[in-house]
Amino acid sequence: MIYREFREKKLSGLGLGMMRLPVIEGDDASIDMARTAEIIDYAYQNGINYFDTAWGYHNGNSELAAGQCLSAYPRENFFKNPACQYG
């Protein structure tokens, strides 16, 4: 993974955008948490430490899913976009 310095942080060159997470039965507000956790785990285990989500994604549930899934990892090991409300 390529990392770049940004405001004294070492961010992965790739980030995981969370605007289009897997959903259940086509309902944008109903995130498939098992599949989302797999995606986030894969990204994290492969060096991604920047996660981009926002309140408007998945009717406000993207941030909640991100917070829940990322709580499995040490908080100092990943970064979020500044507008995000989780962690």
Protein backbone atom coordinates (compact mmCIF):
# COMPACT_ATOMS: atom_id res chain seq x y z
CA MET A 1 0.00 0.00 0.00
CA ILE A 2 1.21 3.48 -0.80
CA TYR A 3 0.80 5.94 2.07
CA ARG A 4 0.85 9.72 1.92
CA GLU A 5 1.44 12.31 4.61
CA PHE A 6 -1.60 14.51 5.21
CA ARG A 7 -1.84 16.85 8.19
CA GLU A 8 0.75 14.81 10.08
CA LYS A 9 -1.12 11.56 9.40
CA LYS A 10 -0.01 8.68 7.19
CA LEU A 11 -3.06 7.93 5.02
CA SER A 12 -3.42 5.06 2.59
CA GLY A 13 -3.36 6.10 -1.05
CA LEU A 14 -6.64 4.24 -1.44
CA GLY A 15 -9.64 4.79 0.77
CA LEU A 16 -12.81 2.81 1.20
CA GLY A 17 -15.83 4.81 0.09
CA MET A 18 -18.98 3.73 1.90
CA MET A 19 -21.65 5.32 -0.28
CA ARG A 20 -22.60 2.04 -1.97
CA LEU A 21 -22.52 -0.71 0.65
CA PRO A 22 -24.28 -4.04 0.11
CA VAL A 23 -27.94 -3.88 1.10
CA ILE A 24 -30.70 -6.34 1.92
CA GLU A 25 -33.49 -6.84 -0.64
CA GLY A 26 -32.67 -3.64 -2.50
CA ASP A 27 -33.48 -1.40 0.51
CA ASP A 28 -30.81 1.31 0.57
CA ALA A 29 -31.40 1.91 4.28
CA SER A 30 -30.94 -1.77 5.19
CA ILE A 31 -27.20 -2.47 5.08
CA ASP A 32 -26.06 -6.08 4.92
CA MET A 33 -23.79 -5.92 7.97
CA ALA A 34 -22.14 -9.32 7.45
CA ARG A 35 -21.03 -8.46 3.92
CA THR A 36 -20.06 -4.92 4.95
CA ALA A 37 -17.91 -6.28 7.78
CA GLU A 38 -16.16 -8.57 5.27
CA ILE A 39 -15.45 -5.63 2.96
CA ILE A 40 -14.13 -3.42 5.75
CA ASP A 41 -12.01 -6.25 7.18
CA TYR A 42 -10.52 -7.00 3.75
CA ALA A 43 -9.71 -3.32 3.21
CA TYR A 44 -8.19 -2.92 6.67
CA GLN A 45 -6.15 -6.14 6.45
CA ASN A 46 -4.77 -4.97 3.09
CA GLY A 47 -3.55 -1.62 4.36
CA ILE A 48 -6.45 0.75 3.83
CA ASN A 49 -6.71 3.09 6.79
CA TYR A 50 -8.95 5.82 5.35
CA PHE A 51 -12.71 5.27 5.41
CA ASP A 52 -15.05 7.76 3.77
CA THR A 53 -18.67 7.92 4.78
CA ALA A 54 -21.27 10.61 5.36
CA TRP A 55 -24.61 11.02 7.07
CA GLY A 56 -26.53 11.02 3.79
CA TYR A 57 -25.27 7.61 2.66
CA HIS A 58 -27.77 4.78 3.11
CA ASN A 59 -30.30 7.08 4.80
CA GLY A 60 -27.86 7.83 7.61
CA ASN A 61 -26.91 4.21 8.25
CA SER A 62 -23.50 4.17 6.53
CA GLU A 63 -21.85 5.97 9.44
CA LEU A 64 -23.45 3.60 11.93
CA ALA A 65 -22.27 0.57 9.97
CA ALA A 66 -18.77 2.02 9.67
CA GLY A 67 -18.58 2.69 13.39
CA GLN A 68 -19.83 -0.77 14.27
CA CYS A 69 -17.47 -2.59 11.90
CA LEU A 70 -14.43 -0.46 12.65
CA SER A 71 -14.86 -0.85 16.40
CA ALA A 72 -13.06 -4.20 15.98
CA TYR A 73 -9.80 -2.33 15.33
CA PRO A 74 -7.66 0.05 17.42
CA ARG A 75 -9.01 3.56 16.86
CA GLU A 76 -5.56 5.05 16.26
CA ASN A 77 -5.05 2.75 13.24
CA PHE A 78 -7.64 4.28 10.92
CA PHE A 79 -8.94 7.66 9.83
CA LYS A 80 -12.28 8.99 8.68
CA ASN A 81 -13.41 11.98 6.73
CA PRO A 82 -13.73 15.04 9.02
CA ALA A 83 -17.49 15.45 8.47
CA CYS A 84 -18.26 11.95 9.70
CA GLN A 85 -19.94 11.47 13.08
CA TYR A 86 -18.70 7.99 14.08
CA GLY A 87 -15.58 7.40 16.24
